[in-house]
Each structure stands twice: as structure tokens, then as C-alpha cells.
Amino acid sequence: MALLNDEQLKQVSDAIEAAEKETDAELVTVLASKADNYFYIPTLWAALLALLIPALLRFTHFWLSADDLFMLQWLVFIVLALVFRIPAVMMHLVPKSIRYWRASNLARRQFLENNLHHTKGETGVLIFVSEAEHYVEIIADRGISAHVSNEQWQEIVNNFIASIKQGQTQQGFIDCISACGTLLHQYAPNTGELNELPNHLVVLD
């Protein structure tokens, strides 16, 4: 299922086109449903809890035969592994550092795969979102990062993250693109019709 419908995708594209009329920077937007499937995380949690069954039984003074204990551990492992794979549950089990690390790696791959490092004047700017992780990152090539500080980007990122948490991903994109366009106009104003890269939102299901 698409993260945004066709009308929402068009509105994001229109926002990119409007922003690029004010700047020579090349904006590319990428929306990922999640940065990783994280299936190993629920498996590890399920295995750990299943291994704790003997200690729990000893604490409650409840005894089982070795065969029954083995079967109980397998049952607990299978049930928990399935329950923990429910997306809403799984994301709470994944440490924040791992979620952000995986999302950040995907953002950097997208920067390269979308040729943002090959723009004229090194003015490529990636707006990357991984929805499941509530992760937003703006990556700018050297021609832009030499002038715009991380603190300036971070304010825009924080506002976008707040929109995602409220379930307003599309509006977050539009507001973020507009804010980036205003900021980039100060440091890389439009000098002509460059438009080296596509203006549509790249969606990674």
C-alpha cells in the first residue's frame, strides 16, 4: 500500500517545483515506510524471555518435567516471536539507537542513488523520511552545507518529526520543503532553470 495517495504525491511534487523556483539547490524527497524489517529483534526478545522460563518457575516453586519445560519454552518462544513481529509492538522493542542508525544509513544510500552528489555547484539537498522510525534527516552537498549550519536544518527537521507523530506526513513534507526553499534562497538563490533532478517524491514501500 502506498504511503501517500496520488493527489498527495502531486502536492508534494508541486511544493518541490515551487521551492526550486527560488533557489539553485536541487531538492530530492524520499519517503520510506521503514528502514529495516528488524525481524531479528523480536526473535532475540522471544528467545531471551523463553530462556527465563526455568528461573520464573523456580521462583514460583512450580515444577515441570524436563520434556514439559522444553515444550513450554518452545511454545513461549513461538508465540512471543509472532506477537513481537506486529509492527506496532516491534518498533517499541527496537532500541532507538538501532532505529536511527538504520534510517541514517538508508538516507545516505538514497543521497548517492539519487545522484545528489553530482549536481552542478554541489547543491543537492535530500529530505529523507523513514515513517516507522519517526526519523527525518536533511543531507546537503558541500555547496550548501558550507553555508547552512546543522542547527538551521535541525529546526526544520524537528517540526517535520512533530508532523509525522501527528500522522500528518504529507503536510510535514510540504511545510519542510517550503522552509527549505526559504532558507536555501538566502544562500543559493535561483540564477536560472537548472532542474537537474526529478521533482517527484521517491517512495520506498
N, C-alpha and C. Protein backbone atom coordinates (compact mmCIF):
# COMPACT_ATOMS: atom_id res chain seq x y z
N MET A 1 0.84 -1.20 0.00
CA MET A 1 0.00 0.00 0.00
C MET A 1 0.88 1.24 0.00
N ALA A 2 0.54 2.19 -0.84
CA ALA A 2 1.32 3.42 -0.93
C ALA A 2 1.18 4.23 0.35
N LEU A 3 2.25 4.89 0.73
CA LEU A 3 2.22 5.70 1.94
C LEU A 3 1.39 6.96 1.74
N LEU A 4 1.39 7.48 0.51
CA LEU A 4 0.59 8.65 0.16
C LEU A 4 -0.16 8.35 -1.12
N ASN A 5 -1.35 8.93 -1.26
CA ASN A 5 -2.10 8.70 -2.50
C ASN A 5 -1.59 9.61 -3.61
N ASP A 6 -2.14 9.43 -4.80
CA ASP A 6 -1.65 10.17 -5.97
C ASP A 6 -1.80 11.67 -5.81
N GLU A 7 -2.90 12.10 -5.23
CA GLU A 7 -3.12 13.54 -5.05
C GLU A 7 -2.11 14.12 -4.07
N GLN A 8 -1.82 13.40 -3.01
CA GLN A 8 -0.84 13.86 -2.04
C GLN A 8 0.56 13.91 -2.65
N LEU A 9 0.88 12.90 -3.46
CA LEU A 9 2.18 12.88 -4.13
C LEU A 9 2.33 14.08 -5.06
N LYS A 10 1.24 14.42 -5.76
CA LYS A 10 1.28 15.57 -6.67
C LYS A 10 1.49 16.87 -5.89
N GLN A 11 0.86 16.99 -4.74
CA GLN A 11 1.01 18.20 -3.93
C GLN A 11 2.45 18.35 -3.45
N VAL A 12 3.08 17.23 -3.11
CA VAL A 12 4.49 17.28 -2.70
C VAL A 12 5.36 17.69 -3.89
N SER A 13 5.10 17.13 -5.06
CA SER A 13 5.85 17.50 -6.26
C SER A 13 5.69 18.97 -6.59
N ASP A 14 4.47 19.48 -6.45
CA ASP A 14 4.22 20.90 -6.71
C ASP A 14 4.99 21.77 -5.72
N ALA A 15 5.09 21.31 -4.48
CA ALA A 15 5.83 22.07 -3.46
C ALA A 15 7.32 22.12 -3.80
N ILE A 16 7.85 21.01 -4.31
CA ILE A 16 9.27 20.98 -4.71
C ILE A 16 9.50 21.94 -5.87
N GLU A 17 8.61 21.90 -6.85
CA GLU A 17 8.74 22.78 -8.01
C GLU A 17 8.69 24.25 -7.59
N ALA A 18 7.80 24.58 -6.67
CA ALA A 18 7.69 25.96 -6.19
C ALA A 18 8.94 26.38 -5.44
N ALA A 19 9.47 25.49 -4.61
CA ALA A 19 10.66 25.82 -3.83
C ALA A 19 11.87 26.02 -4.74
N GLU A 20 12.00 25.21 -5.79
CA GLU A 20 13.16 25.30 -6.66
C GLU A 20 13.12 26.52 -7.57
N LYS A 21 11.98 27.18 -7.64
CA LYS A 21 11.92 28.43 -8.38
C LYS A 21 12.64 29.55 -7.65
N GLU A 22 12.91 29.32 -6.36
CA GLU A 22 13.56 30.34 -5.53
C GLU A 22 15.04 30.06 -5.29
N THR A 23 15.51 28.88 -5.73
CA THR A 23 16.89 28.50 -5.40
C THR A 23 17.50 27.64 -6.50
N ASP A 24 18.81 27.68 -6.59
CA ASP A 24 19.55 26.81 -7.50
C ASP A 24 19.77 25.42 -6.90
N ALA A 25 19.44 25.25 -5.62
CA ALA A 25 19.60 23.95 -4.99
C ALA A 25 18.65 22.94 -5.61
N GLU A 26 19.08 21.68 -5.66
CA GLU A 26 18.26 20.60 -6.20
C GLU A 26 17.69 19.79 -5.03
N LEU A 27 16.38 19.87 -4.85
CA LEU A 27 15.72 19.16 -3.76
C LEU A 27 15.22 17.80 -4.23
N VAL A 28 15.54 16.77 -3.47
CA VAL A 28 15.00 15.44 -3.70
C VAL A 28 14.40 14.95 -2.39
N THR A 29 13.18 14.42 -2.47
CA THR A 29 12.50 13.93 -1.27
C THR A 29 12.31 12.43 -1.36
N VAL A 30 12.56 11.75 -0.25
CA VAL A 30 12.41 10.30 -0.19
C VAL A 30 11.60 9.94 1.05
N LEU A 31 10.61 9.09 0.86
CA LEU A 31 9.78 8.61 1.96
C LEU A 31 9.85 7.09 2.01
N ALA A 32 10.35 6.55 3.13
CA ALA A 32 10.41 5.10 3.33
C ALA A 32 9.42 4.70 4.40
N SER A 33 8.76 3.57 4.21
CA SER A 33 7.84 3.09 5.24
C SER A 33 8.61 2.72 6.50
N LYS A 34 9.78 2.09 6.32
CA LYS A 34 10.68 1.77 7.43
C LYS A 34 12.06 1.51 6.86
N ALA A 35 13.06 1.62 7.70
CA ALA A 35 14.44 1.49 7.25
C ALA A 35 14.94 0.05 7.26
N ASP A 36 14.25 -0.84 7.97
CA ASP A 36 14.68 -2.23 8.09
C ASP A 36 13.46 -3.04 8.52
N ASN A 37 13.49 -4.37 8.29
CA ASN A 37 12.38 -5.18 8.79
C ASN A 37 12.57 -5.55 10.27
N TYR A 38 13.80 -5.47 10.77
CA TYR A 38 14.11 -5.69 12.19
C TYR A 38 13.65 -7.05 12.70
N PHE A 39 13.50 -8.04 11.85
CA PHE A 39 12.95 -9.31 12.29
C PHE A 39 13.83 -10.00 13.34
N TYR A 40 15.11 -9.71 13.34
CA TYR A 40 15.99 -10.34 14.31
C TYR A 40 15.74 -9.83 15.72
N ILE A 41 15.18 -8.62 15.85
CA ILE A 41 14.93 -8.05 17.18
C ILE A 41 13.84 -8.82 17.93
N PRO A 42 12.63 -9.02 17.37
CA PRO A 42 11.63 -9.80 18.08
C PRO A 42 12.07 -11.24 18.34
N THR A 43 12.87 -11.80 17.43
CA THR A 43 13.37 -13.16 17.64
C THR A 43 14.28 -13.22 18.86
N LEU A 44 15.15 -12.22 19.00
CA LEU A 44 16.05 -12.18 20.15
C LEU A 44 15.28 -12.00 21.46
N TRP A 45 14.30 -11.10 21.45
CA TRP A 45 13.49 -10.88 22.66
C TRP A 45 12.72 -12.15 23.03
N ALA A 46 12.14 -12.81 22.05
CA ALA A 46 11.37 -14.03 22.32
C ALA A 46 12.27 -15.13 22.88
N ALA A 47 13.47 -15.26 22.31
CA ALA A 47 14.41 -16.28 22.79
C ALA A 47 14.85 -15.98 24.22
N LEU A 48 15.13 -14.72 24.51
CA LEU A 48 15.57 -14.34 25.85
C LEU A 48 14.50 -14.65 26.89
N LEU A 49 13.26 -14.26 26.60
CA LEU A 49 12.18 -14.50 27.56
C LEU A 49 11.88 -15.98 27.72
N ALA A 50 11.99 -16.74 26.63
CA ALA A 50 11.78 -18.19 26.72
C ALA A 50 12.84 -18.84 27.61
N LEU A 51 14.07 -18.35 27.51
CA LEU A 51 15.16 -18.90 28.33
C LEU A 51 14.98 -18.59 29.81
N LEU A 52 14.20 -17.55 30.11
CA LEU A 52 13.96 -17.17 31.51
C LEU A 52 12.87 -17.99 32.18
N ILE A 53 12.18 -18.83 31.40
CA ILE A 53 11.08 -19.62 31.96
C ILE A 53 11.52 -20.48 33.15
N PRO A 54 12.65 -21.22 33.06
CA PRO A 54 13.07 -22.05 34.20
C PRO A 54 13.27 -21.23 35.48
N ALA A 55 13.88 -20.06 35.35
CA ALA A 55 14.10 -19.22 36.52
C ALA A 55 12.77 -18.75 37.10
N LEU A 56 11.81 -18.42 36.23
CA LEU A 56 10.50 -17.98 36.70
C LEU A 56 9.78 -19.11 37.42
N LEU A 57 9.85 -20.32 36.88
CA LEU A 57 9.19 -21.46 37.52
C LEU A 57 9.83 -21.78 38.87
N ARG A 58 11.16 -21.66 38.93
CA ARG A 58 11.85 -21.92 40.20
C ARG A 58 11.44 -20.89 41.24
N PHE A 59 11.28 -19.65 40.80
CA PHE A 59 10.89 -18.57 41.73
C PHE A 59 9.48 -18.80 42.27
N THR A 60 8.59 -19.36 41.43
CA THR A 60 7.20 -19.60 41.84
C THR A 60 7.01 -20.99 42.44
N HIS A 61 8.11 -21.76 42.52
CA HIS A 61 8.09 -23.11 43.09
C HIS A 61 7.15 -24.04 42.33
N PHE A 62 7.07 -23.79 41.01
CA PHE A 62 6.25 -24.64 40.16
C PHE A 62 7.18 -25.52 39.35
N TRP A 63 7.01 -26.84 39.44
CA TRP A 63 7.95 -27.76 38.82
C TRP A 63 7.34 -28.46 37.61
N LEU A 64 8.15 -28.64 36.59
CA LEU A 64 7.76 -29.38 35.39
C LEU A 64 8.84 -30.39 35.06
N SER A 65 8.45 -31.41 34.35
CA SER A 65 9.45 -32.37 33.87
C SER A 65 10.30 -31.70 32.80
N ALA A 66 11.43 -32.29 32.51
CA ALA A 66 12.34 -31.70 31.51
C ALA A 66 11.65 -31.59 30.16
N ASP A 67 10.88 -32.60 29.77
CA ASP A 67 10.20 -32.57 28.48
C ASP A 67 9.14 -31.48 28.44
N ASP A 68 8.37 -31.39 29.54
CA ASP A 68 7.31 -30.36 29.59
C ASP A 68 7.92 -28.96 29.58
N LEU A 69 9.03 -28.79 30.28
CA LEU A 69 9.71 -27.50 30.32
C LEU A 69 10.20 -27.11 28.94
N PHE A 70 10.78 -28.07 28.23
CA PHE A 70 11.28 -27.82 26.87
C PHE A 70 10.13 -27.41 25.94
N MET A 71 9.00 -28.11 26.03
CA MET A 71 7.85 -27.78 25.19
C MET A 71 7.28 -26.41 25.54
N LEU A 72 7.26 -26.08 26.83
CA LEU A 72 6.76 -24.77 27.26
C LEU A 72 7.65 -23.66 26.71
N GLN A 73 8.95 -23.86 26.78
CA GLN A 73 9.87 -22.85 26.26
C GLN A 73 9.67 -22.63 24.77
N TRP A 74 9.51 -23.72 24.02
CA TRP A 74 9.27 -23.60 22.58
C TRP A 74 7.97 -22.87 22.30
N LEU A 75 6.92 -23.20 23.07
CA LEU A 75 5.62 -22.56 22.88
C LEU A 75 5.71 -21.06 23.16
N VAL A 76 6.36 -20.70 24.26
CA VAL A 76 6.53 -19.29 24.60
C VAL A 76 7.33 -18.56 23.53
N PHE A 77 8.40 -19.20 23.06
CA PHE A 77 9.22 -18.59 22.02
C PHE A 77 8.43 -18.31 20.75
N ILE A 78 7.67 -19.31 20.29
CA ILE A 78 6.91 -19.16 19.04
C ILE A 78 5.84 -18.09 19.17
N VAL A 79 5.08 -18.12 20.27
CA VAL A 79 4.01 -17.14 20.47
C VAL A 79 4.57 -15.72 20.56
N LEU A 80 5.62 -15.54 21.36
CA LEU A 80 6.19 -14.21 21.51
C LEU A 80 6.83 -13.72 20.22
N ALA A 81 7.49 -14.62 19.50
CA ALA A 81 8.13 -14.21 18.24
C ALA A 81 7.09 -13.68 17.26
N LEU A 82 5.89 -14.31 17.25
CA LEU A 82 4.82 -13.86 16.35
C LEU A 82 4.21 -12.54 16.85
N VAL A 83 3.96 -12.46 18.13
CA VAL A 83 3.37 -11.24 18.70
C VAL A 83 4.32 -10.06 18.54
N PHE A 84 5.59 -10.29 18.79
CA PHE A 84 6.57 -9.21 18.73
C PHE A 84 6.83 -8.73 17.30
N ARG A 85 6.37 -9.48 16.30
CA ARG A 85 6.53 -9.05 14.91
C ARG A 85 5.40 -8.13 14.45
N ILE A 86 4.39 -7.96 15.28
CA ILE A 86 3.34 -6.98 14.96
C ILE A 86 4.02 -5.61 14.93
N PRO A 87 3.92 -4.87 13.81
CA PRO A 87 4.67 -3.61 13.65
C PRO A 87 4.59 -2.66 14.83
N ALA A 88 3.39 -2.46 15.36
CA ALA A 88 3.23 -1.51 16.47
C ALA A 88 3.98 -1.97 17.71
N VAL A 89 4.07 -3.29 17.88
CA VAL A 89 4.79 -3.84 19.03
C VAL A 89 6.29 -3.84 18.77
N MET A 90 6.67 -4.29 17.58
CA MET A 90 8.09 -4.46 17.24
C MET A 90 8.88 -3.17 17.38
N MET A 91 8.31 -2.04 16.91
CA MET A 91 9.07 -0.80 16.93
C MET A 91 9.39 -0.34 18.35
N HIS A 92 8.59 -0.78 19.32
CA HIS A 92 8.87 -0.45 20.72
C HIS A 92 10.00 -1.31 21.29
N LEU A 93 10.28 -2.43 20.63
CA LEU A 93 11.33 -3.33 21.10
C LEU A 93 12.69 -3.00 20.51
N VAL A 94 12.69 -2.25 19.41
CA VAL A 94 13.95 -1.90 18.75
C VAL A 94 14.55 -0.68 19.44
N PRO A 95 15.76 -0.78 19.95
CA PRO A 95 16.39 0.39 20.59
C PRO A 95 16.46 1.58 19.65
N LYS A 96 16.26 2.76 20.21
CA LYS A 96 16.26 3.98 19.41
C LYS A 96 17.55 4.14 18.63
N SER A 97 18.67 3.78 19.25
CA SER A 97 19.96 3.94 18.57
C SER A 97 20.04 3.08 17.31
N ILE A 98 19.47 1.87 17.36
CA ILE A 98 19.48 0.99 16.19
C ILE A 98 18.53 1.52 15.12
N ARG A 99 17.34 1.99 15.52
CA ARG A 99 16.38 2.53 14.56
C ARG A 99 16.99 3.71 13.80
N TYR A 100 17.62 4.61 14.53
CA TYR A 100 18.18 5.80 13.91
C TYR A 100 19.41 5.46 13.07
N TRP A 101 20.18 4.48 13.50
CA TRP A 101 21.37 4.06 12.75
C TRP A 101 20.96 3.47 11.40
N ARG A 102 19.94 2.60 11.41
CA ARG A 102 19.49 2.00 10.16
C ARG A 102 18.88 3.06 9.23
N ALA A 103 18.09 3.97 9.79
CA ALA A 103 17.47 5.02 8.98
C ALA A 103 18.51 5.95 8.40
N SER A 104 19.52 6.29 9.20
CA SER A 104 20.58 7.18 8.73
C SER A 104 21.37 6.54 7.60
N ASN A 105 21.64 5.24 7.71
CA ASN A 105 22.35 4.53 6.64
C ASN A 105 21.54 4.54 5.35
N LEU A 106 20.23 4.34 5.47
CA LEU A 106 19.37 4.34 4.29
C LEU A 106 19.33 5.73 3.66
N ALA A 107 19.32 6.76 4.49
CA ALA A 107 19.32 8.14 3.97
C ALA A 107 20.57 8.40 3.14
N ARG A 108 21.70 7.96 3.62
CA ARG A 108 22.95 8.19 2.89
C ARG A 108 23.01 7.39 1.59
N ARG A 109 22.44 6.22 1.59
CA ARG A 109 22.38 5.45 0.34
C ARG A 109 21.48 6.16 -0.67
N GLN A 110 20.38 6.70 -0.19
CA GLN A 110 19.47 7.40 -1.09
C GLN A 110 20.10 8.68 -1.65
N PHE A 111 20.92 9.33 -0.88
CA PHE A 111 21.62 10.53 -1.35
C PHE A 111 22.47 10.18 -2.57
N LEU A 112 23.16 9.05 -2.48
CA LEU A 112 24.03 8.63 -3.58
C LEU A 112 23.22 8.06 -4.75
N GLU A 113 22.22 7.24 -4.45
CA GLU A 113 21.45 6.60 -5.52
C GLU A 113 20.64 7.60 -6.33
N ASN A 114 20.30 8.74 -5.73
CA ASN A 114 19.55 9.76 -6.45
C ASN A 114 20.46 10.84 -7.06
N ASN A 115 21.77 10.54 -7.08
CA ASN A 115 22.77 11.40 -7.77
C ASN A 115 22.83 12.82 -7.23
N LEU A 116 22.55 12.97 -5.95
CA LEU A 116 22.62 14.31 -5.35
C LEU A 116 24.04 14.79 -5.17
N HIS A 117 24.99 13.90 -5.33
CA HIS A 117 26.40 14.28 -5.21
C HIS A 117 27.00 14.66 -6.57
N HIS A 118 26.16 14.72 -7.61
CA HIS A 118 26.64 15.04 -8.96
C HIS A 118 26.00 16.30 -9.53
N THR A 119 25.38 17.10 -8.70
CA THR A 119 24.71 18.30 -9.22
C THR A 119 25.71 19.42 -9.48
N LYS A 120 25.34 20.29 -10.40
CA LYS A 120 26.17 21.44 -10.71
C LYS A 120 26.28 22.34 -9.48
N GLY A 121 27.51 22.68 -9.11
CA GLY A 121 27.72 23.54 -7.95
C GLY A 121 27.58 22.82 -6.62
N GLU A 122 27.41 21.47 -6.67
CA GLU A 122 27.28 20.65 -5.45
C GLU A 122 26.17 21.19 -4.55
N THR A 123 24.99 21.38 -5.14
CA THR A 123 23.88 21.98 -4.41
C THR A 123 22.74 21.00 -4.15
N GLY A 124 23.00 19.72 -4.19
CA GLY A 124 21.97 18.73 -3.93
C GLY A 124 21.55 18.71 -2.47
N VAL A 125 20.25 18.59 -2.23
CA VAL A 125 19.71 18.52 -0.87
C VAL A 125 18.68 17.39 -0.81
N LEU A 126 18.89 16.46 0.10
CA LEU A 126 17.97 15.35 0.29
C LEU A 126 17.13 15.58 1.54
N ILE A 127 15.81 15.44 1.38
CA ILE A 127 14.90 15.42 2.53
C ILE A 127 14.44 13.97 2.66
N PHE A 128 14.90 13.30 3.70
CA PHE A 128 14.64 11.87 3.87
C PHE A 128 13.77 11.63 5.09
N VAL A 129 12.77 10.77 4.90
CA VAL A 129 11.86 10.41 5.99
C VAL A 129 11.71 8.89 6.04
N SER A 130 11.86 8.31 7.22
CA SER A 130 11.51 6.92 7.45
C SER A 130 10.39 6.93 8.48
N GLU A 131 9.19 6.60 8.01
CA GLU A 131 7.99 6.86 8.80
C GLU A 131 7.91 6.03 10.08
N ALA A 132 8.20 4.74 10.01
CA ALA A 132 8.07 3.87 11.18
C ALA A 132 8.97 4.32 12.32
N GLU A 133 10.15 4.82 11.96
CA GLU A 133 11.12 5.26 12.98
C GLU A 133 10.89 6.72 13.42
N HIS A 134 9.95 7.40 12.78
CA HIS A 134 9.76 8.85 13.03
C HIS A 134 11.09 9.57 12.84
N TYR A 135 11.76 9.19 11.75
CA TYR A 135 13.11 9.71 11.50
C TYR A 135 13.10 10.64 10.29
N VAL A 136 13.68 11.81 10.47
CA VAL A 136 13.81 12.79 9.39
C VAL A 136 15.26 13.27 9.35
N GLU A 137 15.82 13.32 8.16
CA GLU A 137 17.17 13.85 8.02
C GLU A 137 17.27 14.65 6.73
N ILE A 138 17.95 15.77 6.81
CA ILE A 138 18.23 16.58 5.63
C ILE A 138 19.74 16.52 5.39
N ILE A 139 20.12 16.04 4.21
CA ILE A 139 21.53 15.92 3.85
C ILE A 139 21.81 16.86 2.69
N ALA A 140 22.76 17.74 2.87
CA ALA A 140 23.09 18.72 1.84
C ALA A 140 24.51 18.49 1.34
N ASP A 141 24.70 18.66 0.04
CA ASP A 141 26.03 18.54 -0.54
C ASP A 141 26.89 19.74 -0.14
N ARG A 142 28.18 19.69 -0.48
CA ARG A 142 29.14 20.68 0.02
C ARG A 142 28.82 22.12 -0.37
N GLY A 143 28.23 22.30 -1.52
CA GLY A 143 27.92 23.66 -1.96
C GLY A 143 26.89 24.33 -1.07
N ILE A 144 26.07 23.53 -0.38
CA ILE A 144 25.06 24.07 0.53
C ILE A 144 25.52 23.98 1.98
N SER A 145 26.10 22.86 2.37
CA SER A 145 26.49 22.67 3.77
C SER A 145 27.57 23.66 4.22
N ALA A 146 28.28 24.23 3.26
CA ALA A 146 29.29 25.24 3.61
C ALA A 146 28.64 26.53 4.11
N HIS A 147 27.35 26.70 3.84
CA HIS A 147 26.67 27.94 4.20
C HIS A 147 25.55 27.76 5.22
N VAL A 148 24.94 26.60 5.23
CA VAL A 148 23.81 26.35 6.13
C VAL A 148 24.27 25.45 7.27
N SER A 149 24.04 25.88 8.49
CA SER A 149 24.50 25.12 9.66
C SER A 149 23.55 23.98 9.99
N ASN A 150 24.06 23.01 10.75
CA ASN A 150 23.23 21.89 11.20
C ASN A 150 22.07 22.37 12.06
N GLU A 151 22.31 23.43 12.84
CA GLU A 151 21.27 23.97 13.71
C GLU A 151 20.09 24.50 12.89
N GLN A 152 20.37 25.11 11.75
CA GLN A 152 19.30 25.62 10.90
C GLN A 152 18.48 24.48 10.31
N TRP A 153 19.15 23.42 9.90
CA TRP A 153 18.42 22.25 9.40
C TRP A 153 17.62 21.59 10.51
N GLN A 154 18.20 21.52 11.69
CA GLN A 154 17.57 20.77 12.78
C GLN A 154 16.23 21.35 13.18
N GLU A 155 16.09 22.65 13.13
CA GLU A 155 14.80 23.26 13.46
C GLU A 155 13.72 22.79 12.48
N ILE A 156 14.07 22.73 11.20
CA ILE A 156 13.13 22.25 10.19
C ILE A 156 12.81 20.78 10.42
N VAL A 157 13.85 20.00 10.73
CA VAL A 157 13.68 18.56 10.99
C VAL A 157 12.75 18.33 12.18
N ASN A 158 12.95 19.07 13.25
CA ASN A 158 12.12 18.90 14.45
C ASN A 158 10.65 19.15 14.17
N ASN A 159 10.37 20.17 13.37
CA ASN A 159 8.98 20.47 13.01
C ASN A 159 8.38 19.34 12.17
N PHE A 160 9.20 18.78 11.30
CA PHE A 160 8.73 17.68 10.44
C PHE A 160 8.42 16.45 11.29
N ILE A 161 9.30 16.12 12.22
CA ILE A 161 9.09 14.96 13.10
C ILE A 161 7.79 15.11 13.88
N ALA A 162 7.52 16.32 14.35
CA ALA A 162 6.27 16.57 15.08
C ALA A 162 5.06 16.29 14.20
N SER A 163 5.14 16.65 12.92
CA SER A 163 4.04 16.39 11.99
C SER A 163 3.84 14.89 11.77
N ILE A 164 4.94 14.14 11.65
CA ILE A 164 4.85 12.70 11.44
C ILE A 164 4.20 12.02 12.64
N LYS A 165 4.56 12.43 13.84
CA LYS A 165 3.99 11.84 15.05
C LYS A 165 2.50 12.12 15.14
N GLN A 166 2.05 13.18 14.51
CA GLN A 166 0.63 13.51 14.48
C GLN A 166 -0.09 12.88 13.29
N GLY A 167 0.64 12.07 12.53
CA GLY A 167 0.05 11.41 11.37
C GLY A 167 -0.13 12.32 10.18
N GLN A 168 0.63 13.41 10.11
CA GLN A 168 0.49 14.39 9.03
C GLN A 168 1.77 14.43 8.18
N THR A 169 2.12 13.27 7.64
CA THR A 169 3.36 13.16 6.87
C THR A 169 3.35 14.05 5.64
N GLN A 170 2.24 14.05 4.91
CA GLN A 170 2.19 14.84 3.68
C GLN A 170 2.33 16.33 3.98
N GLN A 171 1.59 16.83 4.97
CA GLN A 171 1.70 18.24 5.32
C GLN A 171 3.08 18.56 5.86
N GLY A 172 3.67 17.61 6.56
CA GLY A 172 5.03 17.78 7.05
C GLY A 172 6.01 17.97 5.91
N PHE A 173 5.84 17.18 4.84
CA PHE A 173 6.69 17.32 3.66
C PHE A 173 6.54 18.71 3.05
N ILE A 174 5.31 19.14 2.87
CA ILE A 174 5.06 20.44 2.23
C ILE A 174 5.65 21.57 3.06
N ASP A 175 5.45 21.53 4.37
CA ASP A 175 6.00 22.57 5.24
C ASP A 175 7.52 22.54 5.24
N CYS A 176 8.09 21.33 5.24
CA CYS A 176 9.54 21.18 5.25
C CYS A 176 10.14 21.70 3.95
N ILE A 177 9.54 21.33 2.84
CA ILE A 177 10.04 21.78 1.52
C ILE A 177 9.98 23.30 1.43
N SER A 178 8.88 23.88 1.90
CA SER A 178 8.73 25.34 1.87
C SER A 178 9.79 26.02 2.73
N ALA A 179 10.01 25.47 3.94
CA ALA A 179 11.02 26.04 4.84
C ALA A 179 12.42 25.91 4.24
N CYS A 180 12.70 24.77 3.61
CA CYS A 180 14.00 24.58 2.96
C CYS A 180 14.17 25.57 1.81
N GLY A 181 13.12 25.77 1.03
CA GLY A 181 13.19 26.70 -0.08
C GLY A 181 13.49 28.11 0.38
N THR A 182 12.84 28.53 1.47
CA THR A 182 13.08 29.87 2.02
C THR A 182 14.51 30.01 2.51
N LEU A 183 15.00 28.98 3.20
CA LEU A 183 16.36 29.01 3.73
C LEU A 183 17.38 28.98 2.60
N LEU A 184 17.17 28.13 1.62
CA LEU A 184 18.13 27.99 0.52
C LEU A 184 18.17 29.23 -0.38
N HIS A 185 17.06 29.93 -0.44
CA HIS A 185 17.03 31.15 -1.25
C HIS A 185 18.04 32.18 -0.73
N GLN A 186 18.33 32.14 0.57
CA GLN A 186 19.28 33.09 1.15
C GLN A 186 20.71 32.79 0.72
N TYR A 187 21.03 31.52 0.53
CA TYR A 187 22.42 31.12 0.27
C TYR A 187 22.66 30.64 -1.16
N ALA A 188 21.61 30.21 -1.84
CA ALA A 188 21.75 29.74 -3.22
C ALA A 188 20.53 30.18 -4.02
N PRO A 189 20.38 31.49 -4.21
CA PRO A 189 19.20 32.00 -4.94
C PRO A 189 19.18 31.50 -6.38
N ASN A 190 18.00 31.47 -6.94
CA ASN A 190 17.82 30.98 -8.30
C ASN A 190 18.52 31.89 -9.30
N THR A 191 19.32 31.28 -10.18
CA THR A 191 20.01 32.04 -11.22
C THR A 191 19.61 31.57 -12.62
N GLY A 192 18.74 30.57 -12.69
CA GLY A 192 18.32 30.06 -13.99
C GLY A 192 17.57 28.76 -13.85
N GLU A 193 17.09 28.22 -14.96
CA GLU A 193 16.33 26.98 -14.96
C GLU A 193 17.28 25.79 -15.01
N LEU A 194 17.68 25.30 -13.85
CA LEU A 194 18.56 24.14 -13.80
C LEU A 194 17.74 22.85 -13.79
N ASN A 195 17.08 22.59 -12.69
CA ASN A 195 16.20 21.43 -12.53
C ASN A 195 16.85 20.15 -13.08
N GLU A 196 17.97 19.79 -12.50
CA GLU A 196 18.73 18.62 -12.96
C GLU A 196 18.09 17.29 -12.54
N LEU A 197 17.33 17.31 -11.44
CA LEU A 197 16.81 16.05 -10.89
C LEU A 197 15.28 16.10 -10.83
N PRO A 198 14.63 14.92 -10.86
CA PRO A 198 13.16 14.87 -10.83
C PRO A 198 12.58 15.51 -9.56
N ASN A 199 11.38 16.06 -9.69
CA ASN A 199 10.75 16.73 -8.56
C ASN A 199 9.78 15.85 -7.79
N HIS A 200 9.56 14.62 -8.23
CA HIS A 200 8.57 13.78 -7.56
C HIS A 200 9.13 13.19 -6.27
N LEU A 201 8.23 12.82 -5.38
CA LEU A 201 8.61 12.17 -4.14
C LEU A 201 8.95 10.71 -4.42
N VAL A 202 10.13 10.28 -3.99
CA VAL A 202 10.55 8.89 -4.15
C VAL A 202 10.00 8.10 -2.95
N VAL A 203 9.19 7.09 -3.22
CA VAL A 203 8.56 6.31 -2.15
C VAL A 203 9.16 4.91 -2.11
N LEU A 204 9.65 4.53 -0.93
CA LEU A 204 10.20 3.19 -0.71
C LEU A 204 9.25 2.43 0.18
N ASP A 205 8.46 1.52 -0.40
CA ASP A 205 7.47 0.76 0.38
C ASP A 205 8.16 -0.28 1.26
